[in-house]
Structures are given as C-alpha cells and as structure tokens.
C-alpha atoms as a PDB file:
ATOM      1  CA  MET A   1      14.509  12.682  15.305  1.00  0.00           C
ATOM      2  CA  ALA A   2      14.781  10.064  18.051  1.00  0.00           C
ATOM      3  CA  ASN A   3      18.064   9.533  19.901  1.00  0.00           C
ATOM      4  CA  GLU A   4      18.788   6.310  17.994  1.00  0.00           C
ATOM      5  CA  ASN A   5      18.217   8.006  14.655  1.00  0.00           C
ATOM      6  CA  LEU A   6      20.359  10.943  15.742  1.00  0.00           C
ATOM      7  CA  PHE A   7      23.196   8.616  16.731  1.00  0.00           C
ATOM      8  CA  ASP A   8      22.900   6.706  13.441  1.00  0.00           C
ATOM      9  CA  GLU A   9      22.907   9.931  11.426  1.00  0.00           C
ATOM     10  CA  ILE A  10      26.005  11.231  13.228  1.00  0.00           C
ATOM     11  CA  ALA A  11      27.766   7.889  12.723  1.00  0.00           C
ATOM     12  CA  LYS A  12      26.923   7.938   9.013  1.00  0.00           C
ATOM     13  CA  VAL A  13      28.275  11.464   8.554  1.00  0.00           C
ATOM     14  CA  ALA A  14      31.394  10.646  10.618  1.00  0.00           C
ATOM     15  CA  TYR A  15      32.081   7.672   8.375  1.00  0.00           C
ATOM     16  CA  GLU A  16      31.646   9.832   5.281  1.00  0.00           C
ATOM     17  CA  LEU A  17      34.211  12.253   6.739  1.00  0.00           C
ATOM     18  CA  PHE A  18      36.536   9.294   7.377  1.00  0.00           C
ATOM     19  CA  GLU A  19      36.125   8.235   3.737  1.00  0.00           C
ATOM     20  CA  ARG A  20      36.788  11.763   2.434  1.00  0.00           C
ATOM     21  CA  SER A  21      39.927  12.047   4.525  1.00  0.00           C
ATOM     22  CA  GLY A  22      41.365   9.040   2.696  1.00  0.00           C
ATOM     23  CA  TYR A  23      40.606   6.469   5.424  1.00  0.00           C
ATOM     24  CA  ILE A  24      43.232   7.961   7.706  1.00  0.00           C
ATOM     25  CA  HIS A  25      42.961   6.309  11.111  1.00  0.00           C
ATOM     26  CA  GLY A  26      43.331   8.098  14.441  1.00  0.00           C
ATOM     27  CA  ARG A  27      41.012  10.995  13.628  1.00  0.00           C
ATOM     28  CA  ASP A  28      37.797   9.289  14.714  1.00  0.00           C
ATOM     29  CA  ILE A  29      37.014  11.738  17.513  1.00  0.00           C
ATOM     30  CA  GLU A  30      37.660  14.699  15.202  1.00  0.00           C
ATOM     31  CA  HIS A  31      35.346  13.162  12.595  1.00  0.00           C
ATOM     32  CA  TRP A  32      32.685  12.439  15.223  1.00  0.00           C
ATOM     33  CA  PHE A  33      32.638  16.011  16.560  1.00  0.00           C
ATOM     34  CA  GLU A  34      32.554  17.435  13.050  1.00  0.00           C
ATOM     35  CA  ALA A  35      29.674  15.067  12.188  1.00  0.00           C
ATOM     36  CA  GLU A  36      27.782  16.189  15.314  1.00  0.00           C
ATOM     37  CA  ARG A  37      28.204  19.814  14.261  1.00  0.00           C
ATOM     38  CA  ILE A  38      26.995  19.056  10.726  1.00  0.00           C
ATOM     39  CA  VAL A  39      23.939  17.062  11.838  1.00  0.00           C
ATOM     40  CA  ILE A  40      22.909  19.552  14.535  1.00  0.00           C
ATOM     41  CA  THR A  41      23.280  22.470  12.114  1.00  0.00           C
ATOM     42  CA  ARG A  42      21.175  20.597   9.570  1.00  0.00           C
ATOM     43  CA  LEU A  43      18.455  19.898  12.155  1.00  0.00           C
ATOM     44  CA  GLN A  44      18.396  23.520  13.292  1.00  0.00           C
ATOM     45  CA  SER A  45      18.024  24.814   9.755  1.00  0.00           C
ATOM     46  CA  GLU A  46      15.199  22.311   9.079  1.00  0.00           C
ATOM     47  CA  THR A  47      13.243  23.491  12.115  1.00  0.00           C
ATOM     48  CA  GLU A  48      13.746  27.153  11.178  1.00  0.00           C
ATOM     49  CA  GLU A  49      12.513  26.537   7.615  1.00  0.00           C
ATOM     50  CA  LYS A  50       9.280  24.881   8.692  1.00  0.00           C
ATOM     51  CA  PRO A  51       6.526  27.469   8.992  1.00  0.00           C
ATOM     52  CA  LYS A  52       4.861  27.627  12.344  1.00  0.00           C
ATOM     53  CA  LYS A  53       1.399  26.186  12.355  1.00  0.00           C
ATOM     54  CA  THR A  54      -1.276  28.764  12.848  1.00  0.00           C
ATOM     55  CA  LYS A  55      -4.026  27.864  15.210  1.00  0.00           C
ATOM     56  CA  ALA A  56      -7.450  27.294  13.761  1.00  0.00           C
ATOM     57  CA  PRO A  57     -10.127  29.694  14.917  1.00  0.00           C
ATOM     58  CA  ARG A  58     -11.789  28.546  18.081  1.00  0.00           C
ATOM     59  CA  LYS A  59     -15.167  26.972  17.770  1.00  0.00           C
ATOM     60  CA  ALA A  60     -18.042  28.161  19.902  1.00  0.00           C
ATOM     61  CA  SER A  61     -17.842  26.735  23.353  1.00  0.00           C
ATOM     62  CA  PRO A  62     -20.270  23.958  24.289  1.00  0.00           C
ATOM     63  CA  LYS A  63     -21.774  26.325  26.839  1.00  0.00           C
ATOM     64  CA  ALA A  64     -22.743  28.820  24.112  1.00  0.00           C
ATOM     65  CA  GLY A  65     -24.304  25.991  22.122  1.00  0.00           C
ATOM     66  CA  ALA A  66     -26.316  24.897  25.144  1.00  0.00           C
ATOM     67  CA  GLU A  67     -27.604  28.426  25.668  1.00  0.00           C
ATOM     68  CA  ALA A  68     -28.706  28.633  22.050  1.00  0.00           C
ATOM     69  CA  ALA A  69     -30.462  25.274  22.348  1.00  0.00           C
ATOM     70  CA  THR A  70     -32.393  26.396  25.433  1.00  0.00           C
ATOM     71  CA  ALA A  71     -33.437  29.700  23.864  1.00  0.00           C
ATOM     72  CA  LYS A  72     -37.097  29.929  22.928  1.00  0.00           C
ATOM     73  CA  PRO A  73     -37.739  29.360  19.237  1.00  0.00           C
ATOM     74  CA  LYS A  74     -39.629  32.061  17.393  1.00  0.00           C
ATOM     75  CA  ALA A  75     -43.330  31.387  17.063  1.00  0.00           C
ATOM     76  CA  LYS A  76     -44.449  30.526  13.547  1.00  0.00           C
ATOM     77  CA  LYS A  77     -47.905  30.870  12.155  1.00  0.00           C
ATOM     78  CA  PRO A  78     -49.475  27.551  11.354  1.00  0.00           C
ATOM     79  CA  ALA A  79     -49.345  26.959   7.618  1.00  0.00           C
ATOM     80  CA  SER A  80     -52.846  25.508   7.497  1.00  0.00           C
ATOM     81  CA  THR A  81     -54.565  28.748   8.605  1.00  0.00           C
ATOM     82  CA  THR A  82     -52.932  30.857   5.918  1.00  0.00           C
ATOM     83  CA  LYS A  83     -53.865  28.379   3.193  1.00  0.00           C
ATOM     84  CA  GLN A  84     -57.464  28.241   4.360  1.00  0.00           C
ATOM     85  CA  ALA A  85     -57.675  32.033   4.380  1.00  0.00           C
ATOM     86  CA  ALA A  86     -56.338  32.156   0.828  1.00  0.00           C
ATOM     87  CA  LYS A  87     -58.913  29.572  -0.325  1.00  0.00           C
ATOM     88  CA  THR A  88     -61.860  31.465   1.178  1.00  0.00           C
ATOM     89  CA  LYS A  89     -60.915  34.722  -0.524  1.00  0.00           C
ATOM     90  CA  LYS A  90     -61.207  33.216  -4.019  1.00  0.00           C
END
C-alpha cells in the first residue's frame, strides 16, 4: 500500500471510530492512533497469510547451451545407401 493509500485508510478507520463513539469531539488523536493500530495489524496479517512464492527451477545457463551447440553431432548413415542395399538384395 502506498503512503497516500495508507493515510486514506487510517483516516477512514479513524472516522468510523468517531462515528461509533457517537460523534464525540475531542478524541480525534485517540481515534487516529487506534485506527493506525487497526490498519497496521490488518496489513501485517495480510502479509503473513500470503504464501511465499517459490522460485522456479533454474534454466540451463546460456553457457551450457553454447557448449551443447558446439558439440559434434553424431554421424548418421546416409539414408540413400541403406535403401539401395535393400533394393539390390531383392
């Protein structure tokens, strides 16, 4: 919550306390401090309830990918020679 939102939230709660007290004047500081306590407690409980994000598994480093790209590919037999050999046997 940004500072402005925090201030607005405390002011809102302080006014609600003023209303509940029967609009008795002269207790504004008491209402403000009580509102601060309420809002801060609420924020602390919200942050405790949120589960901590687990980190995703790390991807392979770019260096490992570069090494794999430079590795020699396995030699494959040309497909045409095997087909020709199969045709001659028939």
